[in-house]
C-alpha atoms as a PDB file:
ATOM      1  CA  MET A   1      10.273  -8.436  16.398  1.00  0.00           C
ATOM      2  CA  ILE A   2      13.043 -10.821  15.452  1.00  0.00           C
ATOM      3  CA  GLY A   3      12.016 -13.099  18.311  1.00  0.00           C
ATOM      4  CA  VAL A   4       8.476 -13.282  16.970  1.00  0.00           C
ATOM      5  CA  ALA A   5       9.813 -13.987  13.475  1.00  0.00           C
ATOM      6  CA  ILE A   6      12.008 -16.840  14.720  1.00  0.00           C
ATOM      7  CA  ALA A   7       9.093 -18.245  16.721  1.00  0.00           C
ATOM      8  CA  PHE A   8       6.823 -18.179  13.668  1.00  0.00           C
ATOM      9  CA  ILE A   9       9.485 -19.904  11.570  1.00  0.00           C
ATOM     10  CA  LEU A  10      10.010 -22.639  14.176  1.00  0.00           C
ATOM     11  CA  VAL A  11       6.277 -23.193  14.669  1.00  0.00           C
ATOM     12  CA  GLY A  12       5.865 -23.247  10.894  1.00  0.00           C
ATOM     13  CA  ILE A  13       8.532 -25.937  10.562  1.00  0.00           C
ATOM     14  CA  MET A  14       6.917 -28.033  13.307  1.00  0.00           C
ATOM     15  CA  PHE A  15       3.438 -27.722  11.811  1.00  0.00           C
ATOM     16  CA  LEU A  16       4.825 -28.393   8.331  1.00  0.00           C
ATOM     17  CA  PHE A  17       5.094 -32.063   9.214  1.00  0.00           C
ATOM     18  CA  ILE A  18       1.818 -32.263  11.154  1.00  0.00           C
ATOM     19  CA  VAL A  19      -0.567 -29.962   9.266  1.00  0.00           C
ATOM     20  CA  PRO A  20       1.153 -28.661   6.100  1.00  0.00           C
ATOM     21  CA  TRP A  21      -1.606 -26.184   5.157  1.00  0.00           C
ATOM     22  CA  VAL A  22      -1.037 -24.448   8.488  1.00  0.00           C
ATOM     23  CA  GLY A  23       2.747 -24.763   8.675  1.00  0.00           C
ATOM     24  CA  ILE A  24       3.504 -23.237   5.290  1.00  0.00           C
ATOM     25  CA  PRO A  25       1.639 -19.912   5.852  1.00  0.00           C
ATOM     26  CA  VAL A  26       2.982 -19.604   9.393  1.00  0.00           C
ATOM     27  CA  GLY A  27       6.529 -20.119   8.122  1.00  0.00           C
ATOM     28  CA  ILE A  28       6.008 -17.579   5.352  1.00  0.00           C
ATOM     29  CA  VAL A  29       4.767 -14.996   7.874  1.00  0.00           C
ATOM     30  CA  GLY A  30       7.887 -15.659   9.963  1.00  0.00           C
ATOM     31  CA  LEU A  31      10.126 -15.177   6.936  1.00  0.00           C
ATOM     32  CA  LEU A  32       8.372 -11.920   6.034  1.00  0.00           C
ATOM     33  CA  LEU A  33       8.809 -10.602   9.575  1.00  0.00           C
ATOM     34  CA  ALA A  34      12.497 -11.541   9.522  1.00  0.00           C
ATOM     35  CA  ILE A  35      12.978  -9.771   6.178  1.00  0.00           C
ATOM     36  CA  LEU A  36      11.205  -6.664   7.486  1.00  0.00           C
ATOM     37  CA  TRP A  37      13.434  -6.711  10.578  1.00  0.00           C
ATOM     38  CA  LEU A  38      16.550  -6.972   8.412  1.00  0.00           C
ATOM     39  CA  ALA A  39      15.300  -4.073   6.286  1.00  0.00           C
ATOM     40  CA  GLY A  40      14.978  -1.902   9.395  1.00  0.00           C
ATOM     41  CA  PHE A  41      11.231  -1.786   9.977  1.00  0.00           C
ATOM     42  CA  GLY A  42      10.106  -1.865  13.584  1.00  0.00           C
ATOM     43  CA  ARG A  43      13.263  -0.317  15.008  1.00  0.00           C
ATOM     44  CA  ARG A  44      13.203   2.805  17.112  1.00  0.00           C
ATOM     45  CA  ALA A  45      14.354   6.036  15.604  1.00  0.00           C
ATOM     46  CA  VAL A  46      17.662   7.391  16.819  1.00  0.00           C
ATOM     47  CA  GLY A  47      17.075   9.936  19.549  1.00  0.00           C
ATOM     48  CA  ARG A  48      18.645  13.364  19.840  1.00  0.00           C
ATOM     49  CA  ASP A  49      21.940  13.686  21.617  1.00  0.00           C
ATOM     50  CA  ASP A  50      21.336  16.342  24.277  1.00  0.00           C
ATOM     51  CA  ALA A  51      25.063  16.751  25.026  1.00  0.00           C
ATOM     52  CA  VAL A  52      25.741  17.858  21.445  1.00  0.00           C
ATOM     53  CA  ASP A  53      22.773  20.246  21.517  1.00  0.00           C
ATOM     54  CA  ARG A  54      24.060  21.905  24.718  1.00  0.00           C
ATOM     55  CA  HIS A  55      27.443  22.629  23.143  1.00  0.00           C
ATOM     56  CA  ARG A  56      25.837  24.367  20.163  1.00  0.00           C
ATOM     57  CA  ALA A  57      23.991  26.889  22.309  1.00  0.00           C
END
């Protein structure tokens, strides 16, 4: 997800100089995706450790 966010930010910066009304929203979407990634959204949940579960039994 961070790769998509960086791509949106870079495309937004490029389009900012060519077509500003397209570049600004694209850049904002990229920033929102980067913030969501930093907050932890889109990451996989931590799986169970089977080795620890075997020792408990």
